[in-house]
C-alpha atoms as a PDB file:
ATOM      1  CA  UNK A   1       2.458  -9.011  22.756  1.00  0.00           C
ATOM      2  CA  UNK A   2       0.663  -6.081  24.337  1.00  0.00           C
ATOM      3  CA  UNK A   3       0.363  -3.735  21.389  1.00  0.00           C
ATOM      4  CA  UNK A   4      -2.426  -5.219  19.280  1.00  0.00           C
ATOM      5  CA  UNK A   5      -5.161  -2.632  19.760  1.00  0.00           C
ATOM      6  CA  UNK A   6      -8.582  -2.553  18.216  1.00  0.00           C
ATOM      7  CA  UNK A   7      -8.905   0.177  15.586  1.00  0.00           C
ATOM      8  CA  UNK A   8     -10.983   3.243  16.409  1.00  0.00           C
ATOM      9  CA  UNK A   9     -12.727   2.901  13.025  1.00  0.00           C
ATOM     10  CA  UNK A  10     -14.649  -0.175  14.091  1.00  0.00           C
ATOM     11  CA  UNK A  11     -14.955   0.748  17.764  1.00  0.00           C
ATOM     12  CA  UNK A  12     -16.451   4.132  16.921  1.00  0.00           C
ATOM     13  CA  UNK A  13     -18.901   2.555  14.468  1.00  0.00           C
ATOM     14  CA  UNK A  14     -20.162   0.203  17.189  1.00  0.00           C
ATOM     15  CA  UNK A  15     -20.585   2.899  19.857  1.00  0.00           C
ATOM     16  CA  UNK A  16     -23.600   5.079  20.636  1.00  0.00           C
ATOM     17  CA  UNK A  17     -23.730   8.580  19.124  1.00  0.00           C
ATOM     18  CA  UNK A  18     -23.197   9.938  22.669  1.00  0.00           C
ATOM     19  CA  UNK A  19     -19.664   8.466  22.648  1.00  0.00           C
ATOM     20  CA  UNK A  20     -16.768  10.711  21.688  1.00  0.00           C
ATOM     21  CA  UNK A  21     -13.420   9.197  20.765  1.00  0.00           C
ATOM     22  CA  UNK A  22     -10.845  10.761  23.128  1.00  0.00           C
ATOM     23  CA  UNK A  23      -8.090  10.577  20.462  1.00  0.00           C
ATOM     24  CA  UNK A  24      -9.720  12.230  17.456  1.00  0.00           C
ATOM     25  CA  UNK A  25     -13.102  13.552  18.607  1.00  0.00           C
ATOM     26  CA  UNK A  26     -15.157  11.309  16.280  1.00  0.00           C
ATOM     27  CA  UNK A  27     -18.492  10.212  17.653  1.00  0.00           C
ATOM     28  CA  UNK A  28     -20.162   6.818  17.775  1.00  0.00           C
ATOM     29  CA  UNK A  29     -22.522   5.788  14.995  1.00  0.00           C
ATOM     30  CA  UNK A  30     -25.315   3.842  16.672  1.00  0.00           C
ATOM     31  CA  UNK A  31     -28.312   5.987  17.605  1.00  0.00           C
ATOM     32  CA  UNK A  32     -30.366   3.465  19.596  1.00  0.00           C
ATOM     33  CA  UNK A  33     -28.212   0.692  20.977  1.00  0.00           C
ATOM     34  CA  UNK A  34     -24.521  -0.112  21.068  1.00  0.00           C
ATOM     35  CA  UNK A  35     -23.321  -3.094  19.005  1.00  0.00           C
ATOM     36  CA  UNK A  36     -23.001  -5.822  21.600  1.00  0.00           C
ATOM     37  CA  UNK A  37     -20.286  -7.564  19.623  1.00  0.00           C
ATOM     38  CA  UNK A  38     -17.847  -4.852  20.702  1.00  0.00           C
ATOM     39  CA  UNK A  39     -17.638  -6.587  24.086  1.00  0.00           C
ATOM     40  CA  UNK A  40     -16.344  -9.702  22.309  1.00  0.00           C
ATOM     41  CA  UNK A  41     -14.009  -7.933  19.859  1.00  0.00           C
ATOM     42  CA  UNK A  42     -12.432  -5.666  22.478  1.00  0.00           C
ATOM     43  CA  UNK A  43     -11.740  -5.311  26.189  1.00  0.00           C
ATOM     44  CA  UNK A  44     -12.508  -1.975  27.803  1.00  0.00           C
ATOM     45  CA  UNK A  45      -9.587   0.421  28.143  1.00  0.00           C
ATOM     46  CA  UNK A  46      -8.036   0.173  31.607  1.00  0.00           C
ATOM     47  CA  UNK A  47      -8.272   3.871  32.455  1.00  0.00           C
ATOM     48  CA  UNK A  48     -11.782   4.657  31.278  1.00  0.00           C
ATOM     49  CA  UNK A  49     -13.470   1.208  31.348  1.00  0.00           C
ATOM     50  CA  UNK A  50     -14.911   2.164  27.922  1.00  0.00           C
ATOM     51  CA  UNK A  51     -14.235   0.677  24.514  1.00  0.00           C
ATOM     52  CA  UNK A  52     -11.648   2.994  22.936  1.00  0.00           C
ATOM     53  CA  UNK A  53      -9.951   2.239  19.634  1.00  0.00           C
ATOM     54  CA  UNK A  54      -6.465   3.201  18.538  1.00  0.00           C
ATOM     55  CA  UNK A  55      -5.985   5.666  15.712  1.00  0.00           C
ATOM     56  CA  UNK A  56      -4.927   4.092  12.425  1.00  0.00           C
ATOM     57  CA  UNK A  57      -2.138   5.389  10.280  1.00  0.00           C
ATOM     58  CA  UNK A  58      -0.572   7.769  12.783  1.00  0.00           C
ATOM     59  CA  UNK A  59       3.155   8.274  13.078  1.00  0.00           C
ATOM     60  CA  UNK A  60       5.229   7.214  16.036  1.00  0.00           C
ATOM     61  CA  UNK A  61       5.086  10.684  17.598  1.00  0.00           C
ATOM     62  CA  UNK A  62       1.280  10.638  17.856  1.00  0.00           C
ATOM     63  CA  UNK A  63       1.128   6.956  18.751  1.00  0.00           C
ATOM     64  CA  UNK A  64       3.680   7.451  21.536  1.00  0.00           C
ATOM     65  CA  UNK A  65       1.297   9.893  23.227  1.00  0.00           C
ATOM     66  CA  UNK A  66      -1.438   7.233  23.492  1.00  0.00           C
ATOM     67  CA  UNK A  67      -0.588   4.847  26.311  1.00  0.00           C
ATOM     68  CA  UNK A  68      -1.718   1.218  26.547  1.00  0.00           C
ATOM     69  CA  UNK A  69      -4.168   1.937  29.356  1.00  0.00           C
ATOM     70  CA  UNK A  70      -5.975   4.457  27.113  1.00  0.00           C
ATOM     71  CA  UNK A  71      -7.024   1.993  24.387  1.00  0.00           C
ATOM     72  CA  UNK A  72      -8.875  -1.291  24.019  1.00  0.00           C
ATOM     73  CA  UNK A  73      -7.007  -4.427  23.128  1.00  0.00           C
ATOM     74  CA  UNK A  74      -8.463  -7.445  21.365  1.00  0.00           C
ATOM     75  CA  UNK A  75     -11.108  -8.991  23.567  1.00  0.00           C
ATOM     76  CA  UNK A  76     -10.045 -11.819  25.813  1.00  0.00           C
ATOM     77  CA  UNK A  77     -12.622 -14.043  24.065  1.00  0.00           C
ATOM     78  CA  UNK A  78     -10.774 -13.444  20.756  1.00  0.00           C
ATOM     79  CA  UNK A  79      -7.214 -14.089  21.969  1.00  0.00           C
ATOM     80  CA  UNK A  80      -7.322 -17.293  23.933  1.00  0.00           C
ATOM     81  CA  UNK A  81      -5.187 -20.213  22.861  1.00  0.00           C
ATOM     82  CA  UNK A  82      -8.342 -22.228  22.188  1.00  0.00           C
ATOM     83  CA  UNK A  83     -10.383 -19.469  20.502  1.00  0.00           C
ATOM     84  CA  UNK A  84     -11.932 -20.900  17.357  1.00  0.00           C
ATOM     85  CA  UNK A  85     -10.715 -19.495  14.058  1.00  0.00           C
ATOM     86  CA  UNK A  86     -13.586 -19.399  11.580  1.00  0.00           C
ATOM     87  CA  UNK A  87     -12.791 -19.656   7.902  1.00  0.00           C
ATOM     88  CA  UNK A  88     -16.323 -19.158   6.604  1.00  0.00           C
ATOM     89  CA  UNK A  89     -19.469 -18.759   8.678  1.00  0.00           C
ATOM     90  CA  UNK A  90     -23.229 -18.957   8.293  1.00  0.00           C
ATOM     91  CA  UNK A  91     -23.354 -15.225   8.942  1.00  0.00           C
ATOM     92  CA  UNK A  92     -20.970 -14.564   6.048  1.00  0.00           C
ATOM     93  CA  UNK A  93     -22.962 -16.874   3.799  1.00  0.00           C
ATOM     94  CA  UNK A  94     -26.174 -14.967   4.531  1.00  0.00           C
ATOM     95  CA  UNK A  95     -24.450 -11.629   3.805  1.00  0.00           C
ATOM     96  CA  UNK A  96     -23.079 -13.098   0.564  1.00  0.00           C
ATOM     97  CA  UNK A  97     -26.534 -14.261  -0.501  1.00  0.00           C
ATOM     98  CA  UNK A  98     -27.994 -10.850   0.349  1.00  0.00           C
ATOM     99  CA  UNK A  99     -25.240  -9.191  -1.697  1.00  0.00           C
ATOM    100  CA  UNK A 100     -25.791 -11.554  -4.645  1.00  0.00           C
ATOM    101  CA  UNK A 101     -29.522 -10.843  -4.610  1.00  0.00           C
ATOM    102  CA  UNK A 102     -28.887  -7.108  -4.366  1.00  0.00           C
ATOM    103  CA  UNK A 103     -26.617  -7.370  -7.443  1.00  0.00           C
ATOM    104  CA  UNK A 104     -29.484  -9.097  -9.306  1.00  0.00           C
ATOM    105  CA  UNK A 105     -27.920 -12.531  -9.398  1.00  0.00           C
ATOM    106  CA  UNK A 106     -30.115 -15.606  -9.341  1.00  0.00           C
ATOM    107  CA  UNK A 107     -29.806 -17.606  -6.117  1.00  0.00           C
ATOM    108  CA  UNK A 108     -32.083 -20.667  -6.301  1.00  0.00           C
ATOM    109  CA  UNK A 109     -34.201 -21.113  -3.200  1.00  0.00           C
ATOM    110  CA  UNK A 110     -33.061 -17.842  -1.611  1.00  0.00           C
ATOM    111  CA  UNK A 111     -35.405 -15.623   0.365  1.00  0.00           C
ATOM    112  CA  UNK A 112     -35.285 -11.839   0.193  1.00  0.00           C
ATOM    113  CA  UNK A 113     -32.331  -9.518   0.544  1.00  0.00           C
ATOM    114  CA  UNK A 114     -33.719  -8.299   3.869  1.00  0.00           C
ATOM    115  CA  UNK A 115     -34.200 -11.835   5.211  1.00  0.00           C
ATOM    116  CA  UNK A 116     -30.574 -12.756   4.491  1.00  0.00           C
ATOM    117  CA  UNK A 117     -29.208  -9.427   5.760  1.00  0.00           C
ATOM    118  CA  UNK A 118     -31.083  -9.783   9.083  1.00  0.00           C
ATOM    119  CA  UNK A 119     -30.221 -13.496   9.378  1.00  0.00           C
ATOM    120  CA  UNK A 120     -26.530 -12.616   8.855  1.00  0.00           C
ATOM    121  CA  UNK A 121     -26.613 -10.159  11.728  1.00  0.00           C
ATOM    122  CA  UNK A 122     -28.461 -12.608  14.011  1.00  0.00           C
ATOM    123  CA  UNK A 123     -26.025 -15.397  13.183  1.00  0.00           C
ATOM    124  CA  UNK A 124     -23.033 -13.124  13.832  1.00  0.00           C
ATOM    125  CA  UNK A 125     -24.464 -12.243  17.244  1.00  0.00           C
ATOM    126  CA  UNK A 126     -25.026 -15.938  17.944  1.00  0.00           C
ATOM    127  CA  UNK A 127     -21.540 -16.926  16.709  1.00  0.00           C
ATOM    128  CA  UNK A 128     -20.013 -14.532  19.175  1.00  0.00           C
ATOM    129  CA  UNK A 129     -22.219 -15.593  22.073  1.00  0.00           C
ATOM    130  CA  UNK A 130     -24.489 -12.572  22.010  1.00  0.00           C
ATOM    131  CA  UNK A 131     -27.844 -14.261  21.717  1.00  0.00           C
ATOM    132  CA  UNK A 132     -31.177 -12.849  20.588  1.00  0.00           C
ATOM    133  CA  UNK A 133     -33.109 -11.043  23.304  1.00  0.00           C
ATOM    134  CA  UNK A 134     -30.400 -11.532  25.951  1.00  0.00           C
ATOM    135  CA  UNK A 135     -28.307  -8.446  26.682  1.00  0.00           C
ATOM    136  CA  UNK A 136     -24.588  -9.038  26.700  1.00  0.00           C
ATOM    137  CA  UNK A 137     -21.870  -7.263  28.639  1.00  0.00           C
ATOM    138  CA  UNK A 138     -22.596  -4.027  26.772  1.00  0.00           C
ATOM    139  CA  UNK A 139     -26.295  -4.352  27.760  1.00  0.00           C
ATOM    140  CA  UNK A 140     -27.564  -4.609  24.237  1.00  0.00           C
ATOM    141  CA  UNK A 141     -29.707  -7.362  22.819  1.00  0.00           C
ATOM    142  CA  UNK A 142     -29.985  -8.220  19.125  1.00  0.00           C
ATOM    143  CA  UNK A 143     -33.521  -6.771  19.074  1.00  0.00           C
ATOM    144  CA  UNK A 144     -32.206  -3.486  20.484  1.00  0.00           C
ATOM    145  CA  UNK A 145     -29.332  -3.356  18.017  1.00  0.00           C
ATOM    146  CA  UNK A 146     -31.654  -3.932  15.063  1.00  0.00           C
ATOM    147  CA  UNK A 147     -33.482  -0.650  15.870  1.00  0.00           C
ATOM    148  CA  UNK A 148     -30.443   1.528  14.990  1.00  0.00           C
ATOM    149  CA  UNK A 149     -31.115   3.706  11.966  1.00  0.00           C
ATOM    150  CA  UNK A 150     -27.887   2.493  10.300  1.00  0.00           C
ATOM    151  CA  UNK A 151     -28.938  -1.130  10.828  1.00  0.00           C
ATOM    152  CA  UNK A 152     -32.695  -1.154  10.040  1.00  0.00           C
ATOM    153  CA  UNK A 153     -32.906  -2.561   6.533  1.00  0.00           C
ATOM    154  CA  UNK A 154     -33.214   0.122   3.875  1.00  0.00           C
ATOM    155  CA  UNK A 155     -33.648  -1.190   0.327  1.00  0.00           C
ATOM    156  CA  UNK A 156     -32.262   2.073  -1.100  1.00  0.00           C
ATOM    157  CA  UNK A 157     -29.023   1.577   0.875  1.00  0.00           C
ATOM    158  CA  UNK A 158     -28.923  -2.208   1.009  1.00  0.00           C
ATOM    159  CA  UNK A 159     -25.492  -2.772  -0.510  1.00  0.00           C
ATOM    160  CA  UNK A 160     -23.761  -0.424   1.930  1.00  0.00           C
ATOM    161  CA  UNK A 161     -25.584  -1.998   4.857  1.00  0.00           C
ATOM    162  CA  UNK A 162     -24.726  -5.525   3.746  1.00  0.00           C
ATOM    163  CA  UNK A 163     -21.054  -4.722   3.195  1.00  0.00           C
ATOM    164  CA  UNK A 164     -20.810  -2.845   6.509  1.00  0.00           C
ATOM    165  CA  UNK A 165     -22.211  -5.827   8.377  1.00  0.00           C
ATOM    166  CA  UNK A 166     -19.852  -8.200   6.534  1.00  0.00           C
ATOM    167  CA  UNK A 167     -16.977  -5.952   7.709  1.00  0.00           C
END
């Protein structure tokens, strides 16, 4: 099938603030460095060579005006016949531990919320082949990504950060 687009919700979140979604005018969310995982999750749109998500929840009239070449489809790394399907990952486990600690649960032998949050991000980058310190296709390393204001650990906003990264 050639109609499984990546949603603009996640694509916009992963983009730099200088990015403007051509379909709804929303801007990107990252203020320092693009989320390198976008190059794994999506292929660039054919017309613009940018990562452009499809609007969610629009009717057929609006959707019919957005042609295939104007949106990003699932990344080729994600749609190969031999692409691994992960059921539960080390990244998810670290986010779960961070969430449990944030909720005040006792997790024997666990480190801090911040340690598990940051380990979850690093393991997610590694899982998708975007390794620490090495820029990927989008030109962003893990170290660069971790400088974004929405990503830098903030204890007063920890739960939202953890859940956003799990997403």
